[in-house]
Amino acid sequence: MDPQAAKMIGAGLAAIGMIGSGIGVGNIWATLIATVGRNPAAKSNVELYGWIGFAVTEAIALFALVVALILLFAVK
């Protein structure tokens, strides 16, 4: 197999992690909105956990992106 083709396939496989992160972020915000819609008084209690969950999930997407970019540009 051509090494350039292997790099492209590896980077594409590494980028799949961003799909799961997008689904996770959508799930976090949908659950937060539903929770606040059912009990508006709980907004101050659950909003912090929503932001923390968003940050952790988004960090996973950034890690997947960094791995894909390393595979594309740093590996010979």
PDB file of N, CA and C in Angstrom:
ATOM      1  N   MET A   1       0.843  -1.175   0.000  1.00  0.00           N
ATOM      2  CA  MET A   1       0.000   0.000   0.000  1.00  0.00           C
ATOM      3  C   MET A   1       0.886   1.234   0.000  1.00  0.00           C
ATOM      4  N   ASP A   2       0.461   2.217  -0.704  1.00  0.00           N
ATOM      5  CA  ASP A   2       1.176   3.486  -0.778  1.00  0.00           C
ATOM      6  C   ASP A   2       1.149   4.177   0.591  1.00  0.00           C
ATOM      7  N   PRO A   3       2.290   4.652   1.092  1.00  0.00           N
ATOM      8  CA  PRO A   3       2.304   5.305   2.415  1.00  0.00           C
ATOM      9  C   PRO A   3       1.407   6.544   2.487  1.00  0.00           C
ATOM     10  N   GLN A   4       1.310   7.273   1.388  1.00  0.00           N
ATOM     11  CA  GLN A   4       0.441   8.468   1.382  1.00  0.00           C
ATOM     12  C   GLN A   4      -1.030   8.057   1.549  1.00  0.00           C
ATOM     13  N   ALA A   5      -1.415   6.967   0.896  1.00  0.00           N
ATOM     14  CA  ALA A   5      -2.791   6.487   1.033  1.00  0.00           C
ATOM     15  C   ALA A   5      -3.052   5.998   2.460  1.00  0.00           C
ATOM     16  N   ALA A   6      -2.066   5.343   3.061  1.00  0.00           N
ATOM     17  CA  ALA A   6      -2.217   4.865   4.434  1.00  0.00           C
ATOM     18  C   ALA A   6      -2.373   6.035   5.407  1.00  0.00           C
ATOM     19  N   LYS A   7      -1.640   7.126   5.156  1.00  0.00           N
ATOM     20  CA  LYS A   7      -1.783   8.318   5.997  1.00  0.00           C
ATOM     21  C   LYS A   7      -3.182   8.892   5.895  1.00  0.00           C
ATOM     22  N   MET A   8      -3.723   8.953   4.696  1.00  0.00           N
ATOM     23  CA  MET A   8      -5.065   9.499   4.503  1.00  0.00           C
ATOM     24  C   MET A   8      -6.125   8.622   5.166  1.00  0.00           C
ATOM     25  N   ILE A   9      -5.979   7.317   5.031  1.00  0.00           N
ATOM     26  CA  ILE A   9      -6.937   6.406   5.663  1.00  0.00           C
ATOM     27  C   ILE A   9      -6.851   6.521   7.178  1.00  0.00           C
ATOM     28  N   GLY A  10      -5.643   6.576   7.725  1.00  0.00           N
ATOM     29  CA  GLY A  10      -5.473   6.713   9.171  1.00  0.00           C
ATOM     30  C   GLY A  10      -6.042   8.015   9.697  1.00  0.00           C
ATOM     31  N   ALA A  11      -5.829   9.110   8.973  1.00  0.00           N
ATOM     32  CA  ALA A  11      -6.373  10.393   9.411  1.00  0.00           C
ATOM     33  C   ALA A  11      -7.899  10.382   9.350  1.00  0.00           C
ATOM     34  N   GLY A  12      -8.449   9.751   8.335  1.00  0.00           N
ATOM     35  CA  GLY A  12      -9.902   9.648   8.249  1.00  0.00           C
ATOM     36  C   GLY A  12     -10.486   8.833   9.382  1.00  0.00           C
ATOM     37  N   LEU A  13      -9.817   7.740   9.733  1.00  0.00           N
ATOM     38  CA  LEU A  13     -10.283   6.923  10.851  1.00  0.00           C
ATOM     39  C   LEU A  13     -10.159   7.667  12.180  1.00  0.00           C
ATOM     40  N   ALA A  14      -9.104   8.462  12.329  1.00  0.00           N
ATOM     41  CA  ALA A  14      -8.936   9.235  13.565  1.00  0.00           C
ATOM     42  C   ALA A  14      -9.999  10.324  13.674  1.00  0.00           C
ATOM     43  N   ALA A  15     -10.445  10.842  12.544  1.00  0.00           N
ATOM     44  CA  ALA A  15     -11.444  11.907  12.560  1.00  0.00           C
ATOM     45  C   ALA A  15     -12.838  11.395  12.890  1.00  0.00           C
ATOM     46  N   ILE A  16     -13.029  10.083  12.877  1.00  0.00           N
ATOM     47  CA  ILE A  16     -14.344   9.525  13.220  1.00  0.00           C
ATOM     48  C   ILE A  16     -14.727   9.882  14.660  1.00  0.00           C
ATOM     49  N   GLY A  17     -13.734  10.090  15.510  1.00  0.00           N
ATOM     50  CA  GLY A  17     -14.012  10.473  16.892  1.00  0.00           C
ATOM     51  C   GLY A  17     -14.782  11.774  17.009  1.00  0.00           C
ATOM     52  N   MET A  18     -14.678  12.622  16.002  1.00  0.00           N
ATOM     53  CA  MET A  18     -15.406  13.891  16.046  1.00  0.00           C
ATOM     54  C   MET A  18     -16.902  13.686  15.827  1.00  0.00           C
ATOM     55  N   ILE A  19     -17.287  12.622  15.164  1.00  0.00           N
ATOM     56  CA  ILE A  19     -18.714  12.345  14.965  1.00  0.00           C
ATOM     57  C   ILE A  19     -19.376  12.047  16.303  1.00  0.00           C
ATOM     58  N   GLY A  20     -18.735  11.185  17.076  1.00  0.00           N
ATOM     59  CA  GLY A  20     -19.273  10.854  18.391  1.00  0.00           C
ATOM     60  C   GLY A  20     -19.338  12.057  19.312  1.00  0.00           C
ATOM     61  N   SER A  21     -18.369  12.928  19.185  1.00  0.00           N
ATOM     62  CA  SER A  21     -18.363  14.130  20.007  1.00  0.00           C
ATOM     63  C   SER A  21     -19.517  15.058  19.633  1.00  0.00           C
ATOM     64  N   GLY A  22     -19.793  15.165  18.352  1.00  0.00           N
ATOM     65  CA  GLY A  22     -20.925  15.992  17.920  1.00  0.00           C
ATOM     66  C   GLY A  22     -22.246  15.456  18.434  1.00  0.00           C
ATOM     67  N   ILE A  23     -22.395  14.153  18.399  1.00  0.00           N
ATOM     68  CA  ILE A  23     -23.609  13.536  18.934  1.00  0.00           C
ATOM     69  C   ILE A  23     -23.695  13.774  20.441  1.00  0.00           C
ATOM     70  N   GLY A  24     -22.560  13.651  21.129  1.00  0.00           N
ATOM     71  CA  GLY A  24     -22.540  13.858  22.578  1.00  0.00           C
ATOM     72  C   GLY A  24     -22.879  15.280  22.977  1.00  0.00           C
ATOM     73  N   VAL A  25     -22.357  16.248  22.246  1.00  0.00           N
ATOM     74  CA  VAL A  25     -22.654  17.654  22.550  1.00  0.00           C
ATOM     75  C   VAL A  25     -24.140  17.934  22.350  1.00  0.00           C
ATOM     76  N   GLY A  26     -24.695  17.421  21.262  1.00  0.00           N
ATOM     77  CA  GLY A  26     -26.130  17.597  21.036  1.00  0.00           C
ATOM     78  C   GLY A  26     -26.965  16.965  22.124  1.00  0.00           C
ATOM     79  N   ASN A  27     -26.547  15.811  22.585  1.00  0.00           N
ATOM     80  CA  ASN A  27     -27.263  15.129  23.652  1.00  0.00           C
ATOM     81  C   ASN A  27     -27.178  15.905  24.960  1.00  0.00           C
ATOM     82  N   ILE A  28     -26.026  16.456  25.253  1.00  0.00           N
ATOM     83  CA  ILE A  28     -25.854  17.236  26.487  1.00  0.00           C
ATOM     84  C   ILE A  28     -26.775  18.447  26.490  1.00  0.00           C
ATOM     85  N   TRP A  29     -26.782  19.205  25.396  1.00  0.00           N
ATOM     86  CA  TRP A  29     -27.609  20.415  25.361  1.00  0.00           C
ATOM     87  C   TRP A  29     -29.092  20.080  25.323  1.00  0.00           C
ATOM     88  N   ALA A  30     -29.475  19.014  24.613  1.00  0.00           N
ATOM     89  CA  ALA A  30     -30.887  18.629  24.579  1.00  0.00           C
ATOM     90  C   ALA A  30     -31.377  18.237  25.970  1.00  0.00           C
ATOM     91  N   THR A  31     -30.553  17.496  26.692  1.00  0.00           N
ATOM     92  CA  THR A  31     -30.931  17.090  28.047  1.00  0.00           C
ATOM     93  C   THR A  31     -30.983  18.289  28.980  1.00  0.00           C
ATOM     94  N   LEU A  32     -30.044  19.203  28.837  1.00  0.00           N
ATOM     95  CA  LEU A  32     -30.045  20.401  29.688  1.00  0.00           C
ATOM     96  C   LEU A  32     -31.275  21.255  29.429  1.00  0.00           C
ATOM     97  N   ILE A  33     -31.631  21.447  28.171  1.00  0.00           N
ATOM     98  CA  ILE A  33     -32.811  22.249  27.840  1.00  0.00           C
ATOM     99  C   ILE A  33     -34.081  21.575  28.349  1.00  0.00           C
ATOM    100  N   ALA A  34     -34.164  20.249  28.199  1.00  0.00           N
ATOM    101  CA  ALA A  34     -35.335  19.527  28.697  1.00  0.00           C
ATOM    102  C   ALA A  34     -35.433  19.618  30.219  1.00  0.00           C
ATOM    103  N   THR A  35     -34.299  19.540  30.893  1.00  0.00           N
ATOM    104  CA  THR A  35     -34.292  19.613  32.358  1.00  0.00           C
ATOM    105  C   THR A  35     -34.744  20.980  32.836  1.00  0.00           C
ATOM    106  N   VAL A  36     -34.221  22.031  32.224  1.00  0.00           N
ATOM    107  CA  VAL A  36     -34.601  23.386  32.624  1.00  0.00           C
ATOM    108  C   VAL A  36     -36.053  23.667  32.238  1.00  0.00           C
ATOM    109  N   GLY A  37     -36.500  23.086  31.132  1.00  0.00           N
ATOM    110  CA  GLY A  37     -37.900  23.262  30.740  1.00  0.00           C
ATOM    111  C   GLY A  37     -38.865  22.625  31.722  1.00  0.00           C
ATOM    112  N   ARG A  38     -38.471  21.507  32.298  1.00  0.00           N
ATOM    113  CA  ARG A  38     -39.341  20.844  33.274  1.00  0.00           C
ATOM    114  C   ARG A  38     -39.283  21.498  34.643  1.00  0.00           C
ATOM    115  N   ASN A  39     -38.102  21.991  35.012  1.00  0.00           N
ATOM    116  CA  ASN A  39     -37.941  22.585  36.333  1.00  0.00           C
ATOM    117  C   ASN A  39     -37.041  23.810  36.218  1.00  0.00           C
ATOM    118  N   PRO A  40     -37.607  24.972  35.918  1.00  0.00           N
ATOM    119  CA  PRO A  40     -36.777  26.179  35.735  1.00  0.00           C
ATOM    120  C   PRO A  40     -35.995  26.579  36.986  1.00  0.00           C
ATOM    121  N   ALA A  41     -36.458  26.188  38.145  1.00  0.00           N
ATOM    122  CA  ALA A  41     -35.752  26.540  39.377  1.00  0.00           C
ATOM    123  C   ALA A  41     -34.425  25.788  39.496  1.00  0.00           C
ATOM    124  N   ALA A  42     -34.273  24.710  38.767  1.00  0.00           N
ATOM    125  CA  ALA A  42     -33.039  23.905  38.846  1.00  0.00           C
ATOM    126  C   ALA A  42     -31.956  24.409  37.896  1.00  0.00           C
ATOM    127  N   LYS A  43     -32.219  25.504  37.193  1.00  0.00           N
ATOM    128  CA  LYS A  43     -31.251  25.974  36.192  1.00  0.00           C
ATOM    129  C   LYS A  43     -29.882  26.248  36.807  1.00  0.00           C
ATOM    130  N   SER A  44     -29.845  26.903  37.927  1.00  0.00           N
ATOM    131  CA  SER A  44     -28.552  27.234  38.535  1.00  0.00           C
ATOM    132  C   SER A  44     -27.802  25.985  38.995  1.00  0.00           C
ATOM    133  N   ASN A  45     -28.525  24.912  39.308  1.00  0.00           N
ATOM    134  CA  ASN A  45     -27.879  23.680  39.759  1.00  0.00           C
ATOM    135  C   ASN A  45     -27.319  22.850  38.614  1.00  0.00           C
ATOM    136  N   VAL A  46     -27.994  22.829  37.464  1.00  0.00           N
ATOM    137  CA  VAL A  46     -27.596  21.937  36.380  1.00  0.00           C
ATOM    138  C   VAL A  46     -26.794  22.626  35.281  1.00  0.00           C
ATOM    139  N   GLU A  47     -26.806  23.940  35.245  1.00  0.00           N
ATOM    140  CA  GLU A  47     -26.123  24.649  34.161  1.00  0.00           C
ATOM    141  C   GLU A  47     -24.607  24.432  34.202  1.00  0.00           C
ATOM    142  N   LEU A  48     -24.026  24.445  35.367  1.00  0.00           N
ATOM    143  CA  LEU A  48     -22.586  24.220  35.498  1.00  0.00           C
ATOM    144  C   LEU A  48     -22.198  22.838  34.982  1.00  0.00           C
ATOM    145  N   TYR A  49     -22.985  21.828  35.332  1.00  0.00           N
ATOM    146  CA  TYR A  49     -22.688  20.471  34.874  1.00  0.00           C
ATOM    147  C   TYR A  49     -22.843  20.349  33.364  1.00  0.00           C
ATOM    148  N   GLY A  50     -23.764  21.095  32.779  1.00  0.00           N
ATOM    149  CA  GLY A  50     -23.901  21.113  31.322  1.00  0.00           C
ATOM    150  C   GLY A  50     -22.668  21.680  30.648  1.00  0.00           C
ATOM    151  N   TRP A  51     -22.144  22.771  31.190  1.00  0.00           N
ATOM    152  CA  TRP A  51     -20.933  23.372  30.612  1.00  0.00           C
ATOM    153  C   TRP A  51     -19.715  22.473  30.781  1.00  0.00           C
ATOM    154  N   ILE A  52     -19.618  21.826  31.928  1.00  0.00           N
ATOM    155  CA  ILE A  52     -18.493  20.909  32.140  1.00  0.00           C
ATOM    156  C   ILE A  52     -18.583  19.722  31.181  1.00  0.00           C
ATOM    157  N   GLY A  53     -19.762  19.176  31.029  1.00  0.00           N
ATOM    158  CA  GLY A  53     -19.951  18.075  30.087  1.00  0.00           C
ATOM    159  C   GLY A  53     -19.649  18.484  28.661  1.00  0.00           C
ATOM    160  N   PHE A  54     -20.067  19.689  28.290  1.00  0.00           N
ATOM    161  CA  PHE A  54     -19.773  20.208  26.960  1.00  0.00           C
ATOM    162  C   PHE A  54     -18.268  20.342  26.749  1.00  0.00           C
ATOM    163  N   ALA A  55     -17.571  20.882  27.726  1.00  0.00           N
ATOM    164  CA  ALA A  55     -16.126  21.096  27.589  1.00  0.00           C
ATOM    165  C   ALA A  55     -15.373  19.774  27.465  1.00  0.00           C
ATOM    166  N   VAL A  56     -15.752  18.798  28.268  1.00  0.00           N
ATOM    167  CA  VAL A  56     -15.070  17.502  28.212  1.00  0.00           C
ATOM    168  C   VAL A  56     -15.343  16.806  26.882  1.00  0.00           C
ATOM    169  N   THR A  57     -16.574  16.860  26.433  1.00  0.00           N
ATOM    170  CA  THR A  57     -16.933  16.215  25.170  1.00  0.00           C
ATOM    171  C   THR A  57     -16.260  16.911  23.994  1.00  0.00           C
ATOM    172  N   GLU A  58     -16.202  18.205  24.035  1.00  0.00           N
ATOM    173  CA  GLU A  58     -15.549  18.952  22.957  1.00  0.00           C
ATOM    174  C   GLU A  58     -14.039  18.715  22.961  1.00  0.00           C
ATOM    175  N   ALA A  59     -13.457  18.495  24.138  1.00  0.00           N
ATOM    176  CA  ALA A  59     -12.029  18.196  24.209  1.00  0.00           C
ATOM    177  C   ALA A  59     -11.711  16.881  23.505  1.00  0.00           C
ATOM    178  N   ILE A  60     -12.613  15.925  23.590  1.00  0.00           N
ATOM    179  CA  ILE A  60     -12.399  14.656  22.890  1.00  0.00           C
ATOM    180  C   ILE A  60     -12.347  14.891  21.385  1.00  0.00           C
ATOM    181  N   ALA A  61     -13.209  15.770  20.883  1.00  0.00           N
ATOM    182  CA  ALA A  61     -13.187  16.089  19.450  1.00  0.00           C
ATOM    183  C   ALA A  61     -11.882  16.769  19.067  1.00  0.00           C
ATOM    184  N   LEU A  62     -11.392  17.644  19.912  1.00  0.00           N
ATOM    185  CA  LEU A  62     -10.126  18.315  19.606  1.00  0.00           C
ATOM    186  C   LEU A  62      -8.963  17.331  19.621  1.00  0.00           C
ATOM    187  N   PHE A  63      -8.993  16.366  20.540  1.00  0.00           N
ATOM    188  CA  PHE A  63      -7.947  15.339  20.556  1.00  0.00           C
ATOM    189  C   PHE A  63      -7.981  14.512  19.275  1.00  0.00           C
ATOM    190  N   ALA A  64      -9.169  14.156  18.820  1.00  0.00           N
ATOM    191  CA  ALA A  64      -9.294  13.388  17.579  1.00  0.00           C
ATOM    192  C   ALA A  64      -8.778  14.204  16.395  1.00  0.00           C
ATOM    193  N   LEU A  65      -9.080  15.490  16.378  1.00  0.00           N
ATOM    194  CA  LEU A  65      -8.596  16.356  15.303  1.00  0.00           C
ATOM    195  C   LEU A  65      -7.075  16.469  15.324  1.00  0.00           C
ATOM    196  N   VAL A  66      -6.501  16.610  16.498  1.00  0.00           N
ATOM    197  CA  VAL A  66      -5.046  16.716  16.613  1.00  0.00           C
ATOM    198  C   VAL A  66      -4.375  15.424  16.144  1.00  0.00           C
ATOM    199  N   VAL A  67      -4.933  14.286  16.518  1.00  0.00           N
ATOM    200  CA  VAL A  67      -4.359  13.012  16.077  1.00  0.00           C
ATOM    201  C   VAL A  67      -4.438  12.904  14.559  1.00  0.00           C
ATOM    202  N   ALA A  68      -5.563  13.300  13.975  1.00  0.00           N
ATOM    203  CA  ALA A  68      -5.701  13.250  12.519  1.00  0.00           C
ATOM    204  C   ALA A  68      -4.693  14.172  11.840  1.00  0.00           C
ATOM    205  N   LEU A  69      -4.492  15.364  12.377  1.00  0.00           N
ATOM    206  CA  LEU A  69      -3.528  16.301  11.783  1.00  0.00           C
ATOM    207  C   LEU A  69      -2.096  15.808  11.951  1.00  0.00           C
ATOM    208  N   ILE A  70      -1.799  15.188  13.081  1.00  0.00           N
ATOM    209  CA  ILE A  70      -0.462  14.619  13.272  1.00  0.00           C
ATOM    210  C   ILE A  70      -0.206  13.515  12.252  1.00  0.00           C
ATOM    211  N   LEU A  71      -1.220  12.674  12.043  1.00  0.00           N
ATOM    212  CA  LEU A  71      -1.065  11.604  11.060  1.00  0.00           C
ATOM    213  C   LEU A  71      -0.847  12.167   9.644  1.00  0.00           C
ATOM    214  N   LEU A  72      -1.515  13.271   9.356  1.00  0.00           N
ATOM    215  CA  LEU A  72      -1.387  13.840   8.006  1.00  0.00           C
ATOM    216  C   LEU A  72      -0.054  14.547   7.787  1.00  0.00           C
ATOM    217  N   PHE A  73       0.376  15.332   8.754  1.00  0.00           N
ATOM    218  CA  PHE A  73       1.494  16.232   8.511  1.00  0.00           C
ATOM    219  C   PHE A  73       2.804  15.888   9.230  1.00  0.00           C
ATOM    220  N   ALA A  74       2.754  15.100  10.294  1.00  0.00           N
ATOM    221  CA  ALA A  74       3.973  14.851  11.055  1.00  0.00           C
ATOM    222  C   ALA A  74       4.597  13.493  10.775  1.00  0.00           C
ATOM    223  N   VAL A  75       3.816  12.537  10.354  1.00  0.00           N
ATOM    224  CA  VAL A  75       4.337  11.192  10.114  1.00  0.00           C
ATOM    225  C   VAL A  75       4.835  11.092   8.700  1.00  0.00           C
ATOM    226  N   LYS A  76       6.052  10.569   8.539  1.00  0.00           N
ATOM    227  CA  LYS A  76       6.610  10.463   7.188  1.00  0.00           C
ATOM    228  C   LYS A  76       6.307   9.148   6.560  1.00  0.00           C
TER     229      LYS A  76
END
